[in-house]
């Protein structure tokens, strides 16, 4: 939401108000600096194949993350299974900041009875493999 506010301020039609707060002070650069310095956690929803991004302040707890995930996905906290790329289950005892900045997202598995099993959710993910790699995977005996 902060990025939306920043963009609205930056694209204000009235040039006297553009990039400024209600007091007339230029704020777009401090807003942008604040947005760029934010620690963000990427969560890939296995159910609908969407990538979500959440802000993680240093005081952010696991339950706050679960509440944020619930707001975005409607998956209740008790039905959320959060896994690393190595299959490690993230719990309330873990420090969320250790997962910030990772190249790979955290994986969200919906454990609701109406949802697919975690294995079926993993099987349904379509991987994009480059054309040349596909060639080598199909015919491994050619030189």
C-alpha atoms as a PDB file:
ATOM      1  CA  UNK A   1       0.000   0.000   0.000  1.00  0.00           C
ATOM      2  CA  UNK A   2       2.913   2.309   0.645  1.00  0.00           C
ATOM      3  CA  UNK A   3       4.051   1.972  -2.959  1.00  0.00           C
ATOM      4  CA  UNK A   4       0.550   2.949  -4.121  1.00  0.00           C
ATOM      5  CA  UNK A   5       0.614   6.045  -1.920  1.00  0.00           C
ATOM      6  CA  UNK A   6       4.085   6.959  -3.154  1.00  0.00           C
ATOM      7  CA  UNK A   7       3.045   6.574  -6.785  1.00  0.00           C
ATOM      8  CA  UNK A   8      -0.095   8.681  -6.261  1.00  0.00           C
ATOM      9  CA  UNK A   9       2.034  11.412  -4.695  1.00  0.00           C
ATOM     10  CA  UNK A  10       4.540  11.234  -7.531  1.00  0.00           C
ATOM     11  CA  UNK A  11       1.883  11.337 -10.269  1.00  0.00           C
ATOM     12  CA  UNK A  12      -0.264  14.086  -8.719  1.00  0.00           C
ATOM     13  CA  UNK A  13      -1.805  16.165 -11.520  1.00  0.00           C
ATOM     14  CA  UNK A  14      -1.368  19.460  -9.689  1.00  0.00           C
ATOM     15  CA  UNK A  15       2.308  20.386  -9.937  1.00  0.00           C
ATOM     16  CA  UNK A  16       2.138  22.384  -6.693  1.00  0.00           C
ATOM     17  CA  UNK A  17       1.127  19.211  -4.793  1.00  0.00           C
ATOM     18  CA  UNK A  18       3.181  16.672  -6.782  1.00  0.00           C
ATOM     19  CA  UNK A  19       5.687  14.819  -4.607  1.00  0.00           C
ATOM     20  CA  UNK A  20       4.745  16.766  -1.495  1.00  0.00           C
ATOM     21  CA  UNK A  21       2.807  16.132   1.697  1.00  0.00           C
ATOM     22  CA  UNK A  22      -0.112  18.259   2.972  1.00  0.00           C
ATOM     23  CA  UNK A  23       2.370  20.740   4.485  1.00  0.00           C
ATOM     24  CA  UNK A  24       4.120  21.314   1.146  1.00  0.00           C
ATOM     25  CA  UNK A  25       7.301  19.439   2.090  1.00  0.00           C
ATOM     26  CA  UNK A  26       8.890  17.252  -0.615  1.00  0.00           C
ATOM     27  CA  UNK A  27       8.451  13.664   0.611  1.00  0.00           C
ATOM     28  CA  UNK A  28       8.770  11.383  -2.430  1.00  0.00           C
ATOM     29  CA  UNK A  29      12.465  10.684  -1.872  1.00  0.00           C
ATOM     30  CA  UNK A  30      12.128   9.855   1.809  1.00  0.00           C
ATOM     31  CA  UNK A  31       9.069   7.702   1.011  1.00  0.00           C
ATOM     32  CA  UNK A  32      10.983   5.862  -1.724  1.00  0.00           C
ATOM     33  CA  UNK A  33      13.991   5.338   0.544  1.00  0.00           C
ATOM     34  CA  UNK A  34      11.702   3.911   3.216  1.00  0.00           C
ATOM     35  CA  UNK A  35      10.020   1.568   0.704  1.00  0.00           C
ATOM     36  CA  UNK A  36      13.332   0.349  -0.730  1.00  0.00           C
ATOM     37  CA  UNK A  37      14.846  -0.302   2.690  1.00  0.00           C
ATOM     38  CA  UNK A  38      11.857  -2.402   3.769  1.00  0.00           C
ATOM     39  CA  UNK A  39      12.528  -6.069   4.448  1.00  0.00           C
ATOM     40  CA  UNK A  40      10.142  -8.200   2.381  1.00  0.00           C
ATOM     41  CA  UNK A  41       9.266 -11.863   2.530  1.00  0.00           C
ATOM     42  CA  UNK A  42       8.032 -13.663  -0.593  1.00  0.00           C
ATOM     43  CA  UNK A  43       5.445 -16.398  -0.105  1.00  0.00           C
ATOM     44  CA  UNK A  44       4.386 -18.656  -2.987  1.00  0.00           C
ATOM     45  CA  UNK A  45       0.832 -19.955  -2.596  1.00  0.00           C
ATOM     46  CA  UNK A  46       0.814 -23.551  -3.867  1.00  0.00           C
ATOM     47  CA  UNK A  47      -2.991 -23.603  -4.103  1.00  0.00           C
ATOM     48  CA  UNK A  48      -3.466 -20.795  -6.615  1.00  0.00           C
ATOM     49  CA  UNK A  49       0.147 -20.448  -7.835  1.00  0.00           C
ATOM     50  CA  UNK A  50       0.439 -16.786  -6.785  1.00  0.00           C
ATOM     51  CA  UNK A  51       3.435 -15.033  -5.304  1.00  0.00           C
ATOM     52  CA  UNK A  52       2.678 -12.739  -2.371  1.00  0.00           C
ATOM     53  CA  UNK A  53       5.054 -10.270  -0.765  1.00  0.00           C
ATOM     54  CA  UNK A  54       4.862  -9.207   2.870  1.00  0.00           C
ATOM     55  CA  UNK A  55       6.713  -6.509   4.770  1.00  0.00           C
ATOM     56  CA  UNK A  56       8.658  -7.935   7.717  1.00  0.00           C
ATOM     57  CA  UNK A  57       9.705  -5.350  10.307  1.00  0.00           C
ATOM     58  CA  UNK A  58      12.191  -6.544  12.928  1.00  0.00           C
ATOM     59  CA  UNK A  59       9.369  -6.843  15.466  1.00  0.00           C
ATOM     60  CA  UNK A  60       7.261  -8.973  13.109  1.00  0.00           C
ATOM     61  CA  UNK A  61       6.078 -12.213  14.674  1.00  0.00           C
ATOM     62  CA  UNK A  62       5.056 -15.470  13.062  1.00  0.00           C
ATOM     63  CA  UNK A  63       1.413 -14.935  14.039  1.00  0.00           C
ATOM     64  CA  UNK A  64       1.416 -11.495  12.391  1.00  0.00           C
ATOM     65  CA  UNK A  65       2.704 -13.142   9.191  1.00  0.00           C
ATOM     66  CA  UNK A  66      -0.011 -15.783   9.434  1.00  0.00           C
ATOM     67  CA  UNK A  67      -2.625 -13.041   9.865  1.00  0.00           C
ATOM     68  CA  UNK A  68      -1.266 -11.215   6.805  1.00  0.00           C
ATOM     69  CA  UNK A  69      -1.321 -14.446   4.792  1.00  0.00           C
ATOM     70  CA  UNK A  70      -4.919 -15.032   5.897  1.00  0.00           C
ATOM     71  CA  UNK A  71      -5.926 -11.516   4.780  1.00  0.00           C
ATOM     72  CA  UNK A  72      -4.470 -12.102   1.311  1.00  0.00           C
ATOM     73  CA  UNK A  73      -5.358 -15.763   0.754  1.00  0.00           C
ATOM     74  CA  UNK A  74      -8.301 -16.556   3.082  1.00  0.00           C
ATOM     75  CA  UNK A  75      -6.392 -19.604   4.345  1.00  0.00           C
ATOM     76  CA  UNK A  76      -6.886 -19.806   8.144  1.00  0.00           C
ATOM     77  CA  UNK A  77      -3.704 -19.676  10.231  1.00  0.00           C
ATOM     78  CA  UNK A  78      -4.215 -23.208  11.561  1.00  0.00           C
ATOM     79  CA  UNK A  79      -4.411 -24.534   7.971  1.00  0.00           C
ATOM     80  CA  UNK A  80      -1.254 -22.778   6.757  1.00  0.00           C
ATOM     81  CA  UNK A  81       1.861 -24.873   6.248  1.00  0.00           C
ATOM     82  CA  UNK A  82       4.862 -22.629   5.534  1.00  0.00           C
ATOM     83  CA  UNK A  83       7.902 -24.408   4.109  1.00  0.00           C
ATOM     84  CA  UNK A  84      11.357 -23.367   2.945  1.00  0.00           C
ATOM     85  CA  UNK A  85      12.746 -24.570  -0.385  1.00  0.00           C
ATOM     86  CA  UNK A  86      14.429 -27.428   1.541  1.00  0.00           C
ATOM     87  CA  UNK A  87      11.147 -28.562   3.093  1.00  0.00           C
ATOM     88  CA  UNK A  88      11.836 -27.104   6.544  1.00  0.00           C
ATOM     89  CA  UNK A  89       8.584 -26.213   8.329  1.00  0.00           C
ATOM     90  CA  UNK A  90       8.592 -22.623   9.588  1.00  0.00           C
ATOM     91  CA  UNK A  91       7.106 -22.243  13.058  1.00  0.00           C
ATOM     92  CA  UNK A  92       6.581 -19.528  15.667  1.00  0.00           C
ATOM     93  CA  UNK A  93      10.030 -20.299  17.136  1.00  0.00           C
ATOM     94  CA  UNK A  94      11.813 -19.278  13.911  1.00  0.00           C
ATOM     95  CA  UNK A  95      13.149 -15.794  13.315  1.00  0.00           C
ATOM     96  CA  UNK A  96      11.428 -14.609  10.120  1.00  0.00           C
ATOM     97  CA  UNK A  97      14.299 -12.251   9.275  1.00  0.00           C
ATOM     98  CA  UNK A  98      16.480 -15.255   8.361  1.00  0.00           C
ATOM     99  CA  UNK A  99      14.155 -15.900   5.393  1.00  0.00           C
ATOM    100  CA  UNK A 100      14.162 -12.293   4.142  1.00  0.00           C
ATOM    101  CA  UNK A 101      16.199 -11.638   1.025  1.00  0.00           C
ATOM    102  CA  UNK A 102      16.286 -15.269  -0.042  1.00  0.00           C
ATOM    103  CA  UNK A 103      16.285 -15.930  -3.778  1.00  0.00           C
ATOM    104  CA  UNK A 104      13.518 -18.488  -3.333  1.00  0.00           C
ATOM    105  CA  UNK A 105      10.174 -17.777  -1.700  1.00  0.00           C
ATOM    106  CA  UNK A 106       8.614 -19.524   1.248  1.00  0.00           C
ATOM    107  CA  UNK A 107       6.023 -22.034   0.088  1.00  0.00           C
ATOM    108  CA  UNK A 108       2.497 -21.843   1.475  1.00  0.00           C
ATOM    109  CA  UNK A 109       0.550 -25.104   1.489  1.00  0.00           C
ATOM    110  CA  UNK A 110      -3.170 -25.035   2.267  1.00  0.00           C
ATOM    111  CA  UNK A 111      -3.949 -27.921   4.602  1.00  0.00           C
ATOM    112  CA  UNK A 112      -7.732 -27.490   4.454  1.00  0.00           C
ATOM    113  CA  UNK A 113      -9.776 -30.621   3.840  1.00  0.00           C
ATOM    114  CA  UNK A 114     -11.101 -29.113   0.592  1.00  0.00           C
ATOM    115  CA  UNK A 115      -7.583 -28.474  -0.686  1.00  0.00           C
ATOM    116  CA  UNK A 116      -5.268 -30.828  -2.565  1.00  0.00           C
ATOM    117  CA  UNK A 117      -2.674 -32.706  -0.532  1.00  0.00           C
ATOM    118  CA  UNK A 118       0.770 -31.043  -0.343  1.00  0.00           C
ATOM    119  CA  UNK A 119       2.167 -33.630  -2.788  1.00  0.00           C
ATOM    120  CA  UNK A 120      -0.620 -32.971  -5.304  1.00  0.00           C
ATOM    121  CA  UNK A 121      -0.097 -29.223  -4.940  1.00  0.00           C
ATOM    122  CA  UNK A 122       3.624 -29.683  -5.692  1.00  0.00           C
ATOM    123  CA  UNK A 123       2.891 -31.885  -8.722  1.00  0.00           C
ATOM    124  CA  UNK A 124       0.534 -29.282 -10.171  1.00  0.00           C
ATOM    125  CA  UNK A 125       3.220 -26.569 -10.307  1.00  0.00           C
ATOM    126  CA  UNK A 126       4.389 -26.016 -13.882  1.00  0.00           C
ATOM    127  CA  UNK A 127       8.114 -25.371 -14.172  1.00  0.00           C
ATOM    128  CA  UNK A 128       9.473 -23.270 -17.010  1.00  0.00           C
ATOM    129  CA  UNK A 129      12.531 -25.056 -18.340  1.00  0.00           C
ATOM    130  CA  UNK A 130      14.574 -23.277 -21.042  1.00  0.00           C
ATOM    131  CA  UNK A 131      14.371 -24.817 -24.525  1.00  0.00           C
ATOM    132  CA  UNK A 132      18.039 -25.915 -24.656  1.00  0.00           C
ATOM    133  CA  UNK A 133      17.777 -27.559 -21.242  1.00  0.00           C
ATOM    134  CA  UNK A 134      14.612 -29.384 -22.363  1.00  0.00           C
ATOM    135  CA  UNK A 135      16.575 -30.765 -25.320  1.00  0.00           C
ATOM    136  CA  UNK A 136      19.273 -32.172 -23.038  1.00  0.00           C
ATOM    137  CA  UNK A 137      16.728 -33.620 -20.615  1.00  0.00           C
ATOM    138  CA  UNK A 138      14.908 -35.471 -23.419  1.00  0.00           C
ATOM    139  CA  UNK A 139      17.964 -36.952 -25.055  1.00  0.00           C
ATOM    140  CA  UNK A 140      20.633 -37.509 -22.424  1.00  0.00           C
ATOM    141  CA  UNK A 141      22.667 -40.053 -24.429  1.00  0.00           C
ATOM    142  CA  UNK A 142      23.528 -37.747 -27.350  1.00  0.00           C
ATOM    143  CA  UNK A 143      26.784 -35.857 -27.285  1.00  0.00           C
END
